Amino acid sequence: RNAQSRLLYLAIIVAYLLLPSVSRAIFKAKQCESFNIDVFTDERRSYLVADLDVLCSADDDEYRGLDAYFWTMFALWPVLAPLTFLALLLSIRSEVRAQRSSSLARACRFLWRDY
């Protein structure tokens, strides 16, 4: 039980520290940059910043395939990770307020200790 508590504590710290950089990478997966490909006609094309071989177009199969990946990762990291932190904090709220120390409250102390 003590090992589980320590493992949860470390997992919370790692997830908390990785959340901003992983979220940024997820959002960059859909970021496109426009390039002028013909100076005379002013024709422009947008390509994926993460992979300039991928044309940002609904007609491009590879770009459409990234859509499912993007929304899955978006749901997992920038949305689900903070909601998991919130659920953990709500589940230990009474113990923290009463200043009782359960194993779960100790494992989550990184999220509430400074408050």
Foldseek 3Di string as FASTA:
>chain_A
DLVVLQVLLVVLVVLVVCQVVLLVVLVLQLDWDKDQPDPVVSDIWIARPVDRVHTCDPPTPVNVVCVVVSVVSCCVGPNVSVVVLVVLCVVCVVCVVVVHDDSSCSSSCVVPVVD
